[in-house]
């Protein structure tokens, strides 16, 4: 076989990049547990019908027990304006500090949920009910059935489409936070007609 590149192995590790970095919200008011936030970089989409997402959380984390008990959580997207808050929520425990109060964030009701809250300053958040918890090792995988998605009004264009570019979303690349760059294409653009490319803003002389 012809080798066109050389590689150096670095061992079996979680080097998948980039991945989303999100704020997961939870609460348990029936047991006197105030709204809390935990930073999760290991999150993803696992199913579209029905819509489901996943987050991986260590057993010893404060939020693990809350989500396990209530069966609810929110996944809050993070823009650049929330970057420092997101990092804080990853290094400080809700056992010791009221993160919403300390960071000046606003807990808001999450449609479809009774306990978990969303972040009022987030560009958007997903309301999720726990569908399954899978024990994997260092982390447990929480699979959440999406009950509703809430998007801040300011990110809607006049035609009703959502302007994700304006959200200035954050990604996680091997321990570092990166801003999501400008769009370079869209699903199916490699086989799209010139008319479709032009309609989506990727016509001749534009982004490739």
N, C-alpha and C. Protein backbone atom coordinates (compact mmCIF):
# COMPACT_ATOMS: atom_id res chain seq x y z
N UNK A 1 0.84 -1.20 0.00
CA UNK A 1 0.00 0.00 0.00
C UNK A 1 0.88 1.25 0.00
N UNK A 2 0.53 2.21 -0.83
CA UNK A 2 1.29 3.45 -0.92
C UNK A 2 0.97 4.34 0.27
N UNK A 3 1.98 4.77 0.99
CA UNK A 3 1.79 5.64 2.13
C UNK A 3 2.01 7.10 1.72
N UNK A 4 0.99 7.91 1.90
CA UNK A 4 1.10 9.32 1.54
C UNK A 4 1.27 10.22 2.76
N UNK A 5 1.04 9.67 3.94
CA UNK A 5 1.22 10.44 5.18
C UNK A 5 1.86 9.54 6.22
N UNK A 6 2.58 10.13 7.13
CA UNK A 6 3.11 9.37 8.26
C UNK A 6 2.42 9.87 9.52
N UNK A 7 2.15 8.94 10.44
CA UNK A 7 1.45 9.26 11.67
C UNK A 7 2.26 8.79 12.86
N UNK A 8 2.02 9.40 14.00
CA UNK A 8 2.62 8.98 15.26
C UNK A 8 1.51 8.59 16.21
N UNK A 9 1.52 7.38 16.73
CA UNK A 9 0.48 6.93 17.65
C UNK A 9 0.70 7.56 19.02
N UNK A 10 -0.40 7.93 19.67
CA UNK A 10 -0.32 8.56 20.99
C UNK A 10 -1.11 7.79 22.04
N UNK A 11 -1.54 6.59 21.67
CA UNK A 11 -2.25 5.75 22.62
C UNK A 11 -3.76 5.93 22.52
N UNK A 12 -4.52 4.98 23.11
CA UNK A 12 -5.98 5.08 23.09
C UNK A 12 -6.45 6.16 24.04
N UNK A 13 -7.01 7.23 23.51
CA UNK A 13 -7.46 8.34 24.34
C UNK A 13 -8.65 9.02 23.67
N UNK A 14 -9.29 9.92 24.37
CA UNK A 14 -10.48 10.60 23.84
C UNK A 14 -10.04 11.83 23.06
N UNK A 15 -9.48 11.62 21.88
CA UNK A 15 -8.93 12.71 21.08
C UNK A 15 -9.90 13.22 20.03
N UNK A 16 -11.14 12.81 20.09
CA UNK A 16 -12.13 13.28 19.13
C UNK A 16 -12.32 14.79 19.27
N UNK A 17 -12.13 15.52 18.17
CA UNK A 17 -12.23 16.98 18.21
C UNK A 17 -12.69 17.50 16.85
N UNK A 18 -13.38 18.64 16.83
CA UNK A 18 -13.93 19.35 17.99
C UNK A 18 -15.23 18.72 18.46
N UNK A 19 -15.59 19.04 19.68
CA UNK A 19 -16.85 18.58 20.24
C UNK A 19 -17.53 19.76 20.92
N UNK A 20 -18.84 19.69 21.09
CA UNK A 20 -19.51 20.83 21.74
C UNK A 20 -19.15 20.93 23.21
N UNK A 21 -19.15 22.13 23.71
CA UNK A 21 -18.98 22.37 25.14
C UNK A 21 -20.23 23.08 25.60
N UNK A 22 -20.97 22.47 26.53
CA UNK A 22 -22.29 22.97 26.91
C UNK A 22 -22.43 23.08 28.42
N UNK A 23 -23.44 23.80 28.84
CA UNK A 23 -23.82 23.87 30.24
C UNK A 23 -25.05 23.01 30.46
N UNK A 24 -24.94 22.05 31.35
CA UNK A 24 -26.07 21.17 31.66
C UNK A 24 -26.72 21.68 32.95
N UNK A 25 -28.02 21.94 32.88
CA UNK A 25 -28.74 22.45 34.02
C UNK A 25 -29.57 21.39 34.71
N UNK A 26 -29.68 21.52 36.03
CA UNK A 26 -30.49 20.57 36.80
C UNK A 26 -30.95 21.26 38.08
N UNK A 27 -31.89 20.64 38.77
CA UNK A 27 -32.39 21.15 40.04
C UNK A 27 -33.27 20.08 40.67
N UNK A 28 -33.44 20.18 41.99
CA UNK A 28 -34.31 19.24 42.70
C UNK A 28 -34.97 19.98 43.85
N UNK A 29 -35.90 20.89 43.54
CA UNK A 29 -36.52 21.71 44.58
C UNK A 29 -37.27 20.92 45.64
N UNK A 30 -37.79 19.74 45.26
CA UNK A 30 -38.52 18.94 46.24
C UNK A 30 -37.62 18.47 47.37
N UNK A 31 -36.31 18.38 47.10
CA UNK A 31 -35.36 17.99 48.12
C UNK A 31 -34.45 19.14 48.53
N UNK A 32 -34.89 20.36 48.24
CA UNK A 32 -34.15 21.54 48.67
C UNK A 32 -32.88 21.79 47.90
N UNK A 33 -32.75 21.21 46.69
CA UNK A 33 -31.55 21.40 45.88
C UNK A 33 -31.79 22.53 44.89
N UNK A 34 -31.02 23.60 45.01
CA UNK A 34 -31.18 24.76 44.14
C UNK A 34 -30.73 24.44 42.71
N UNK A 35 -31.12 25.26 41.76
CA UNK A 35 -30.67 25.07 40.39
C UNK A 35 -29.15 25.06 40.30
N UNK A 36 -28.63 24.16 39.50
CA UNK A 36 -27.18 24.01 39.38
C UNK A 36 -26.78 23.83 37.92
N UNK A 37 -25.52 24.11 37.64
CA UNK A 37 -24.97 23.96 36.30
C UNK A 37 -23.67 23.18 36.34
N UNK A 38 -23.48 22.33 35.35
CA UNK A 38 -22.23 21.60 35.21
C UNK A 38 -21.77 21.72 33.75
N UNK A 39 -20.51 21.95 33.56
CA UNK A 39 -19.95 22.02 32.21
C UNK A 39 -19.69 20.62 31.69
N UNK A 40 -20.15 20.35 30.49
CA UNK A 40 -19.96 19.04 29.86
C UNK A 40 -19.43 19.24 28.45
N UNK A 41 -18.29 18.64 28.17
CA UNK A 41 -17.74 18.69 26.82
C UNK A 41 -18.06 17.40 26.06
N UNK A 42 -18.42 16.36 26.78
CA UNK A 42 -18.74 15.09 26.14
C UNK A 42 -20.26 14.99 25.97
N UNK A 43 -20.74 15.62 24.91
CA UNK A 43 -22.17 15.64 24.61
C UNK A 43 -22.36 15.37 23.12
N UNK A 44 -23.50 14.83 22.77
CA UNK A 44 -23.72 14.56 21.36
C UNK A 44 -25.15 14.18 21.05
N UNK A 45 -25.44 14.06 19.77
CA UNK A 45 -26.74 13.62 19.28
C UNK A 45 -26.68 12.11 19.08
N UNK A 46 -27.68 11.38 19.57
CA UNK A 46 -27.67 9.93 19.44
C UNK A 46 -28.84 9.39 18.63
N UNK A 47 -29.88 10.21 18.41
CA UNK A 47 -31.03 9.74 17.65
C UNK A 47 -31.85 10.95 17.20
N UNK A 48 -32.48 10.82 16.02
CA UNK A 48 -33.32 11.91 15.54
C UNK A 48 -34.81 11.61 15.66
N UNK A 49 -35.19 10.33 15.59
CA UNK A 49 -36.59 9.93 15.72
C UNK A 49 -36.73 8.78 16.71
N UNK A 50 -37.08 9.06 17.94
CA UNK A 50 -37.32 10.37 18.53
C UNK A 50 -36.01 11.12 18.80
N UNK A 51 -36.07 12.45 18.92
CA UNK A 51 -34.83 13.20 19.16
C UNK A 51 -34.24 12.90 20.53
N UNK A 52 -32.98 12.50 20.52
CA UNK A 52 -32.28 12.19 21.77
C UNK A 52 -30.85 12.72 21.71
N UNK A 53 -30.36 13.15 22.87
CA UNK A 53 -28.98 13.59 22.99
C UNK A 53 -28.35 12.88 24.19
N UNK A 54 -27.05 13.00 24.30
CA UNK A 54 -26.36 12.34 25.41
C UNK A 54 -25.37 13.30 26.07
N UNK A 55 -25.16 13.10 27.37
CA UNK A 55 -24.11 13.79 28.11
C UNK A 55 -23.44 12.76 29.02
N UNK A 56 -22.14 12.86 29.17
CA UNK A 56 -21.39 11.93 30.02
C UNK A 56 -20.93 12.67 31.27
N UNK A 57 -21.24 12.09 32.44
CA UNK A 57 -20.94 12.75 33.72
C UNK A 57 -20.34 11.73 34.68
N UNK A 58 -19.31 12.16 35.39
CA UNK A 58 -18.70 11.29 36.41
C UNK A 58 -19.66 11.09 37.59
N UNK A 59 -19.61 9.91 38.16
CA UNK A 59 -20.50 9.60 39.28
C UNK A 59 -20.33 10.55 40.45
N UNK A 60 -19.09 10.99 40.71
CA UNK A 60 -18.83 11.81 41.89
C UNK A 60 -19.26 13.26 41.72
N UNK A 61 -19.65 13.66 40.52
CA UNK A 61 -20.06 15.04 40.33
C UNK A 61 -21.41 15.30 40.98
N UNK A 62 -21.54 16.48 41.54
CA UNK A 62 -22.75 16.88 42.27
C UNK A 62 -24.01 16.71 41.42
N UNK A 63 -23.92 17.08 40.17
CA UNK A 63 -25.09 17.04 39.29
C UNK A 63 -25.52 15.62 38.94
N UNK A 64 -24.61 14.65 39.02
CA UNK A 64 -24.93 13.27 38.67
C UNK A 64 -26.11 12.76 39.48
N UNK A 65 -26.04 12.94 40.79
CA UNK A 65 -27.10 12.45 41.67
C UNK A 65 -28.41 13.19 41.44
N UNK A 66 -28.31 14.50 41.17
CA UNK A 66 -29.53 15.30 40.95
C UNK A 66 -30.26 14.82 39.71
N UNK A 67 -29.52 14.65 38.62
CA UNK A 67 -30.13 14.23 37.36
C UNK A 67 -30.66 12.80 37.47
N UNK A 68 -29.90 11.94 38.15
CA UNK A 68 -30.34 10.55 38.33
C UNK A 68 -31.65 10.48 39.10
N UNK A 69 -31.78 11.34 40.11
CA UNK A 69 -32.96 11.30 40.97
C UNK A 69 -34.18 11.93 40.30
N UNK A 70 -34.00 13.06 39.63
CA UNK A 70 -35.13 13.77 39.04
C UNK A 70 -35.47 13.28 37.63
N UNK A 71 -34.48 12.71 36.94
CA UNK A 71 -34.71 12.25 35.58
C UNK A 71 -34.85 13.37 34.57
N UNK A 72 -34.26 14.54 34.89
CA UNK A 72 -34.36 15.69 34.00
C UNK A 72 -33.04 16.44 33.91
N UNK A 73 -32.82 17.07 32.76
CA UNK A 73 -31.69 18.00 32.62
C UNK A 73 -31.91 18.87 31.40
N UNK A 74 -31.19 19.97 31.35
CA UNK A 74 -31.21 20.82 30.16
C UNK A 74 -29.81 20.88 29.58
N UNK A 75 -29.75 21.03 28.27
CA UNK A 75 -28.47 21.22 27.58
C UNK A 75 -28.50 22.63 27.01
N UNK A 76 -27.66 23.50 27.57
CA UNK A 76 -27.63 24.90 27.18
C UNK A 76 -26.44 25.19 26.27
N UNK A 77 -26.73 25.71 25.08
CA UNK A 77 -25.65 26.06 24.16
C UNK A 77 -24.89 27.25 24.73
N UNK A 78 -23.62 27.32 24.38
CA UNK A 78 -22.75 28.35 24.95
C UNK A 78 -22.14 29.21 23.85
N UNK A 79 -22.37 30.52 23.94
CA UNK A 79 -21.73 31.48 23.06
C UNK A 79 -20.52 32.08 23.76
N UNK A 80 -19.77 32.91 23.03
CA UNK A 80 -18.55 33.50 23.60
C UNK A 80 -18.84 34.31 24.85
N UNK A 81 -20.02 34.91 24.93
CA UNK A 81 -20.35 35.74 26.09
C UNK A 81 -20.51 34.90 27.36
N UNK A 82 -20.67 33.58 27.22
CA UNK A 82 -20.82 32.70 28.38
C UNK A 82 -19.59 31.85 28.62
N UNK A 83 -18.52 32.09 27.88
CA UNK A 83 -17.35 31.22 27.96
C UNK A 83 -16.75 31.15 29.37
N UNK A 84 -16.52 32.30 29.98
CA UNK A 84 -15.90 32.30 31.31
C UNK A 84 -16.82 31.63 32.33
N UNK A 85 -18.12 31.88 32.21
CA UNK A 85 -19.08 31.25 33.12
C UNK A 85 -19.07 29.74 32.94
N UNK A 86 -19.00 29.30 31.70
CA UNK A 86 -18.97 27.86 31.43
C UNK A 86 -17.73 27.22 32.05
N UNK A 87 -16.59 27.87 31.90
CA UNK A 87 -15.37 27.31 32.47
C UNK A 87 -15.47 27.24 33.99
N UNK A 88 -16.02 28.27 34.61
CA UNK A 88 -16.20 28.30 36.06
C UNK A 88 -17.05 27.12 36.51
N UNK A 89 -18.12 26.84 35.77
CA UNK A 89 -19.02 25.76 36.15
C UNK A 89 -18.38 24.38 36.00
N UNK A 90 -17.25 24.32 35.31
CA UNK A 90 -16.54 23.06 35.16
C UNK A 90 -15.52 22.80 36.24
N UNK A 91 -15.12 23.86 36.94
CA UNK A 91 -14.08 23.69 37.97
C UNK A 91 -14.59 23.89 39.39
N UNK A 92 -15.80 24.45 39.53
CA UNK A 92 -16.39 24.65 40.85
C UNK A 92 -17.60 23.74 41.02
N UNK A 93 -17.79 23.24 42.25
CA UNK A 93 -18.89 22.33 42.53
C UNK A 93 -20.10 23.07 43.08
N UNK A 94 -21.28 22.62 42.67
CA UNK A 94 -22.51 23.17 43.20
C UNK A 94 -22.71 22.87 44.67
N UNK A 95 -21.92 21.96 45.21
CA UNK A 95 -21.98 21.69 46.66
C UNK A 95 -21.48 22.91 47.44
N UNK A 96 -20.59 23.68 46.82
CA UNK A 96 -19.90 24.76 47.52
C UNK A 96 -20.36 26.15 47.13
N UNK A 97 -20.97 26.30 45.96
CA UNK A 97 -21.31 27.63 45.49
C UNK A 97 -22.59 27.59 44.67
N UNK A 98 -23.40 28.62 44.82
CA UNK A 98 -24.59 28.79 44.00
C UNK A 98 -24.11 29.42 42.69
N UNK A 99 -23.97 28.60 41.67
CA UNK A 99 -23.36 29.08 40.42
C UNK A 99 -24.20 30.12 39.72
N UNK A 100 -25.51 29.96 39.72
CA UNK A 100 -26.37 30.96 39.09
C UNK A 100 -26.17 32.32 39.75
N UNK A 101 -26.20 32.35 41.07
CA UNK A 101 -26.06 33.61 41.80
C UNK A 101 -24.67 34.19 41.62
N UNK A 102 -23.65 33.37 41.76
CA UNK A 102 -22.27 33.84 41.67
C UNK A 102 -21.97 34.43 40.30
N UNK A 103 -22.52 33.84 39.25
CA UNK A 103 -22.23 34.27 37.88
C UNK A 103 -23.25 35.27 37.34
N UNK A 104 -24.28 35.55 38.10
CA UNK A 104 -25.29 36.50 37.65
C UNK A 104 -26.13 35.95 36.51
N UNK A 105 -26.32 34.63 36.50
CA UNK A 105 -27.12 33.99 35.46
C UNK A 105 -28.56 33.81 35.95
N UNK A 106 -29.47 33.65 34.99
CA UNK A 106 -30.88 33.57 35.32
C UNK A 106 -31.45 32.18 35.06
N UNK A 107 -31.91 31.49 36.11
CA UNK A 107 -32.58 30.20 35.87
C UNK A 107 -33.98 30.44 35.31
N UNK A 108 -34.30 29.76 34.22
CA UNK A 108 -35.62 29.93 33.60
C UNK A 108 -36.30 28.58 33.49
N UNK A 109 -37.62 28.61 33.50
CA UNK A 109 -38.40 27.38 33.38
C UNK A 109 -38.09 26.71 32.05
N UNK A 110 -37.93 25.38 32.08
CA UNK A 110 -37.64 24.60 30.87
C UNK A 110 -38.93 23.93 30.41
N UNK A 111 -39.45 24.28 29.24
CA UNK A 111 -40.69 23.67 28.75
C UNK A 111 -40.61 22.15 28.72
N UNK A 112 -41.64 21.50 29.26
CA UNK A 112 -41.70 20.05 29.27
C UNK A 112 -41.07 19.41 30.49
N UNK A 113 -40.44 20.21 31.36
CA UNK A 113 -39.79 19.66 32.55
C UNK A 113 -40.40 20.25 33.82
N UNK A 114 -40.26 19.54 34.93
CA UNK A 114 -40.79 19.99 36.22
C UNK A 114 -39.71 20.58 37.11
N UNK A 115 -38.47 20.10 36.98
CA UNK A 115 -37.43 20.46 37.93
C UNK A 115 -36.25 21.21 37.30
N UNK A 116 -35.64 20.64 36.28
CA UNK A 116 -34.44 21.23 35.69
C UNK A 116 -34.76 22.58 35.05
N UNK A 117 -33.76 23.46 35.05
CA UNK A 117 -33.95 24.81 34.51
C UNK A 117 -32.98 25.08 33.37
N UNK A 118 -33.35 26.05 32.55
CA UNK A 118 -32.46 26.50 31.50
C UNK A 118 -31.73 27.75 31.95
N UNK A 119 -30.78 28.20 31.13
CA UNK A 119 -30.02 29.41 31.41
C UNK A 119 -30.59 30.54 30.57
N UNK A 120 -31.10 31.59 31.23
CA UNK A 120 -31.74 32.67 30.52
C UNK A 120 -30.83 33.39 29.54
N UNK A 121 -29.53 33.36 29.78
CA UNK A 121 -28.57 34.05 28.92
C UNK A 121 -28.04 33.17 27.79
N UNK A 122 -28.45 31.92 27.73
CA UNK A 122 -27.97 31.00 26.69
C UNK A 122 -28.64 31.32 25.36
N UNK A 123 -27.95 31.07 24.25
CA UNK A 123 -28.56 31.26 22.94
C UNK A 123 -29.76 30.34 22.73
N UNK A 124 -29.66 29.13 23.29
CA UNK A 124 -30.72 28.13 23.14
C UNK A 124 -30.50 27.03 24.15
N UNK A 125 -31.56 26.28 24.47
CA UNK A 125 -31.38 25.12 25.34
C UNK A 125 -32.39 24.04 24.99
N UNK A 126 -31.99 22.80 25.29
CA UNK A 126 -32.82 21.63 25.05
C UNK A 126 -33.33 21.10 26.38
N UNK A 127 -34.62 20.89 26.48
CA UNK A 127 -35.22 20.28 27.67
C UNK A 127 -35.24 18.77 27.48
N UNK A 128 -34.63 18.04 28.42
CA UNK A 128 -34.47 16.59 28.25
C UNK A 128 -34.95 15.82 29.47
N UNK A 129 -35.58 14.68 29.20
CA UNK A 129 -35.91 13.71 30.24
C UNK A 129 -35.02 12.50 30.04
N UNK A 130 -34.49 11.97 31.15
CA UNK A 130 -33.58 10.83 31.06
C UNK A 130 -34.29 9.62 30.49
N UNK A 131 -33.76 9.11 29.41
CA UNK A 131 -34.30 7.91 28.77
C UNK A 131 -33.57 6.66 29.28
N UNK A 132 -32.27 6.82 29.49
CA UNK A 132 -31.46 5.68 29.93
C UNK A 132 -30.14 6.19 30.51
N UNK A 133 -29.62 5.48 31.47
CA UNK A 133 -28.30 5.76 32.02
C UNK A 133 -27.44 4.52 31.81
N UNK A 134 -26.33 4.69 31.13
CA UNK A 134 -25.43 3.57 30.84
C UNK A 134 -24.12 3.77 31.59
N UNK A 135 -23.79 2.83 32.45
CA UNK A 135 -22.52 2.90 33.19
C UNK A 135 -21.40 2.41 32.29
N UNK A 136 -20.40 3.27 32.10
CA UNK A 136 -19.32 2.94 31.16
C UNK A 136 -17.96 2.77 31.82
N UNK A 137 -17.74 3.41 32.96
CA UNK A 137 -16.42 3.38 33.59
C UNK A 137 -16.23 4.66 34.37
N UNK A 138 -15.34 5.52 33.91
CA UNK A 138 -15.12 6.80 34.60
C UNK A 138 -16.37 7.68 34.54
N UNK A 139 -17.17 7.53 33.49
CA UNK A 139 -18.36 8.34 33.30
C UNK A 139 -19.59 7.46 33.08
N UNK A 140 -20.74 8.01 33.43
CA UNK A 140 -22.02 7.41 33.07
C UNK A 140 -22.61 8.21 31.92
N UNK A 141 -23.18 7.52 30.97
CA UNK A 141 -23.78 8.16 29.81
C UNK A 141 -25.27 8.35 30.06
N UNK A 142 -25.70 9.61 30.09
CA UNK A 142 -27.11 9.94 30.25
C UNK A 142 -27.70 10.20 28.87
N UNK A 143 -28.63 9.37 28.46
CA UNK A 143 -29.33 9.59 27.20
C UNK A 143 -30.63 10.31 27.51
N UNK A 144 -30.79 11.46 26.91
CA UNK A 144 -31.96 12.28 27.19
C UNK A 144 -32.90 12.40 26.01
N UNK A 145 -34.18 12.18 26.25
CA UNK A 145 -35.19 12.37 25.22
C UNK A 145 -35.57 13.85 25.21
N UNK A 146 -35.38 14.49 24.08
CA UNK A 146 -35.62 15.93 23.98
C UNK A 146 -37.12 16.20 23.99
N UNK A 147 -37.55 16.98 24.98
CA UNK A 147 -38.97 17.33 25.11
C UNK A 147 -39.32 18.61 24.36
N UNK A 148 -38.36 19.53 24.33
CA UNK A 148 -38.59 20.81 23.66
C UNK A 148 -37.25 21.52 23.47
N UNK A 149 -37.18 22.39 22.49
CA UNK A 149 -36.00 23.21 22.25
C UNK A 149 -36.42 24.67 22.31
N UNK A 150 -35.70 25.46 23.10
CA UNK A 150 -36.01 26.88 23.25
C UNK A 150 -34.85 27.71 22.70
N UNK A 151 -35.16 28.62 21.78
CA UNK A 151 -34.16 29.47 21.14
C UNK A 151 -34.48 30.93 21.44
N UNK A 152 -33.48 31.69 21.87
CA UNK A 152 -33.69 33.11 22.19
C UNK A 152 -34.22 33.86 20.97
N UNK A 153 -35.19 34.72 21.20
CA UNK A 153 -35.83 35.46 20.10
C UNK A 153 -34.83 36.19 19.22
N UNK A 154 -33.76 36.72 19.82
CA UNK A 154 -32.83 37.56 19.06
C UNK A 154 -32.07 36.81 17.98
N UNK A 155 -32.14 35.49 17.99
CA UNK A 155 -31.40 34.72 17.00
C UNK A 155 -32.26 34.26 15.83
N UNK A 156 -33.50 34.73 15.77
CA UNK A 156 -34.35 34.41 14.64
C UNK A 156 -34.24 35.50 13.58
N UNK A 157 -34.09 35.08 12.34
CA UNK A 157 -34.10 36.02 11.22
C UNK A 157 -35.55 36.39 10.89
N UNK A 158 -35.76 37.43 10.10
CA UNK A 158 -37.13 37.82 9.74
C UNK A 158 -37.92 36.72 9.05
N UNK A 159 -37.20 35.82 8.33
CA UNK A 159 -37.91 34.74 7.63
C UNK A 159 -38.19 33.53 8.52
N UNK A 160 -37.82 33.62 9.81
CA UNK A 160 -38.09 32.53 10.75
C UNK A 160 -36.96 31.54 10.91
N UNK A 161 -35.92 31.64 10.08
CA UNK A 161 -34.77 30.74 10.23
C UNK A 161 -33.91 31.19 11.40
N UNK A 162 -33.07 30.27 11.88
CA UNK A 162 -32.24 30.56 13.05
C UNK A 162 -30.83 30.94 12.59
N UNK A 163 -30.31 32.02 13.13
CA UNK A 163 -28.98 32.52 12.79
C UNK A 163 -27.95 31.98 13.78
N UNK A 164 -27.50 30.75 13.55
CA UNK A 164 -26.52 30.15 14.47
C UNK A 164 -25.20 30.91 14.47
N UNK A 165 -24.84 31.54 13.35
CA UNK A 165 -23.57 32.26 13.30
C UNK A 165 -23.55 33.38 14.35
N UNK A 166 -24.70 34.01 14.55
CA UNK A 166 -24.78 35.11 15.51
C UNK A 166 -24.63 34.64 16.95
N UNK A 167 -24.80 33.35 17.19
CA UNK A 167 -24.67 32.81 18.54
C UNK A 167 -23.22 32.78 19.02
N UNK A 168 -22.27 32.80 18.08
CA UNK A 168 -20.83 32.72 18.44
C UNK A 168 -20.56 31.51 19.33
N UNK A 169 -20.97 30.35 18.87
CA UNK A 169 -20.88 29.13 19.68
C UNK A 169 -19.44 28.70 19.91
N UNK A 170 -19.26 27.94 20.98
CA UNK A 170 -17.95 27.48 21.42
C UNK A 170 -17.81 25.98 21.18
N UNK A 171 -16.61 25.55 20.77
CA UNK A 171 -16.31 24.13 20.67
C UNK A 171 -15.12 23.82 21.57
N UNK A 172 -14.89 22.55 21.82
CA UNK A 172 -13.83 22.09 22.72
C UNK A 172 -12.86 21.23 21.92
N UNK A 173 -11.60 21.60 21.94
CA UNK A 173 -10.58 20.89 21.18
C UNK A 173 -9.42 20.51 22.11
N UNK A 174 -9.45 19.27 22.59
CA UNK A 174 -8.36 18.73 23.40
C UNK A 174 -7.93 19.68 24.52
N UNK A 175 -8.92 20.07 25.35
CA UNK A 175 -8.61 20.89 26.52
C UNK A 175 -8.65 22.39 26.29
N UNK A 176 -8.92 22.82 25.07
CA UNK A 176 -8.96 24.24 24.76
C UNK A 176 -10.31 24.61 24.13
N UNK A 177 -10.76 25.81 24.44
CA UNK A 177 -12.00 26.31 23.88
C UNK A 177 -11.72 27.05 22.57
N UNK A 178 -12.55 26.80 21.56
CA UNK A 178 -12.39 27.47 20.27
C UNK A 178 -13.74 28.06 19.84
N UNK A 179 -13.67 29.20 19.18
CA UNK A 179 -14.88 29.78 18.60
C UNK A 179 -15.21 29.03 17.32
N UNK A 180 -16.47 28.75 17.11
CA UNK A 180 -16.90 28.12 15.86
C UNK A 180 -16.75 29.14 14.74
N UNK A 181 -16.07 28.75 13.67
CA UNK A 181 -15.77 29.68 12.59
C UNK A 181 -16.96 29.91 11.68
N UNK A 182 -16.75 30.69 10.64
CA UNK A 182 -17.80 30.97 9.67
C UNK A 182 -18.20 29.68 8.96
N UNK A 183 -19.45 29.60 8.48
CA UNK A 183 -19.89 28.39 7.78
C UNK A 183 -19.12 28.21 6.47
N UNK A 184 -18.74 26.96 6.21
CA UNK A 184 -17.99 26.63 5.00
C UNK A 184 -18.82 25.86 3.99
N UNK A 185 -19.98 25.42 4.39
CA UNK A 185 -20.85 24.64 3.52
C UNK A 185 -22.11 24.28 4.27
N UNK A 186 -22.89 23.38 3.71
CA UNK A 186 -24.08 22.88 4.38
C UNK A 186 -24.28 21.43 3.96
N UNK A 187 -25.10 20.69 4.70
CA UNK A 187 -25.29 19.28 4.41
C UNK A 187 -25.78 19.11 2.98
N UNK A 188 -25.02 18.37 2.18
CA UNK A 188 -25.37 18.11 0.79
C UNK A 188 -24.83 19.13 -0.20
N UNK A 189 -24.04 20.10 0.27
CA UNK A 189 -23.59 21.16 -0.65
C UNK A 189 -22.67 20.63 -1.75
N UNK A 190 -22.00 19.51 -1.50
CA UNK A 190 -21.06 18.97 -2.49
C UNK A 190 -21.77 18.49 -3.76
N UNK A 191 -23.07 18.21 -3.67
CA UNK A 191 -23.82 17.74 -4.84
C UNK A 191 -24.99 18.68 -5.17
N UNK A 192 -25.04 19.84 -4.52
CA UNK A 192 -26.15 20.78 -4.72
C UNK A 192 -26.04 21.47 -6.07
N UNK A 193 -27.18 21.87 -6.60
CA UNK A 193 -27.22 22.59 -7.87
C UNK A 193 -26.72 24.02 -7.66
N UNK A 194 -26.25 24.66 -8.74
CA UNK A 194 -25.83 26.07 -8.62
C UNK A 194 -26.92 26.95 -8.03
N UNK A 195 -28.17 26.68 -8.39
CA UNK A 195 -29.27 27.47 -7.86
C UNK A 195 -29.40 27.30 -6.35
N UNK A 196 -29.28 26.05 -5.89
CA UNK A 196 -29.37 25.77 -4.45
C UNK A 196 -28.20 26.41 -3.71
N UNK A 197 -27.01 26.35 -4.29
CA UNK A 197 -25.84 26.97 -3.67
C UNK A 197 -26.04 28.48 -3.54
N UNK A 198 -26.56 29.09 -4.59
CA UNK A 198 -26.79 30.53 -4.56
C UNK A 198 -27.82 30.90 -3.51
N UNK A 199 -28.88 30.09 -3.42
CA UNK A 199 -29.95 30.36 -2.45
C UNK A 199 -29.44 30.28 -1.02
N UNK A 200 -28.49 29.41 -0.77
CA UNK A 200 -27.94 29.23 0.58
C UNK A 200 -26.73 30.10 0.86
N UNK A 201 -26.37 30.94 -0.12
CA UNK A 201 -25.24 31.85 0.09
C UNK A 201 -23.90 31.26 -0.20
N UNK A 202 -23.85 30.19 -0.99
CA UNK A 202 -22.59 29.53 -1.32
C UNK A 202 -22.40 29.45 -2.84
N UNK A 203 -22.84 30.48 -3.51
CA UNK A 203 -22.74 30.49 -4.97
C UNK A 203 -21.33 30.75 -5.45
N UNK A 204 -21.17 30.91 -6.75
CA UNK A 204 -19.87 31.11 -7.39
C UNK A 204 -19.17 32.32 -6.78
N UNK A 205 -17.90 32.12 -6.43
CA UNK A 205 -17.11 33.20 -5.87
C UNK A 205 -17.28 33.37 -4.38
N UNK A 206 -18.12 32.51 -3.79
CA UNK A 206 -18.32 32.60 -2.34
C UNK A 206 -17.67 31.40 -1.66
N UNK A 207 -18.14 31.08 -0.46
CA UNK A 207 -17.51 30.02 0.33
C UNK A 207 -17.55 28.70 -0.41
N UNK A 208 -16.47 27.92 -0.27
CA UNK A 208 -16.37 26.60 -0.91
C UNK A 208 -16.42 25.52 0.14
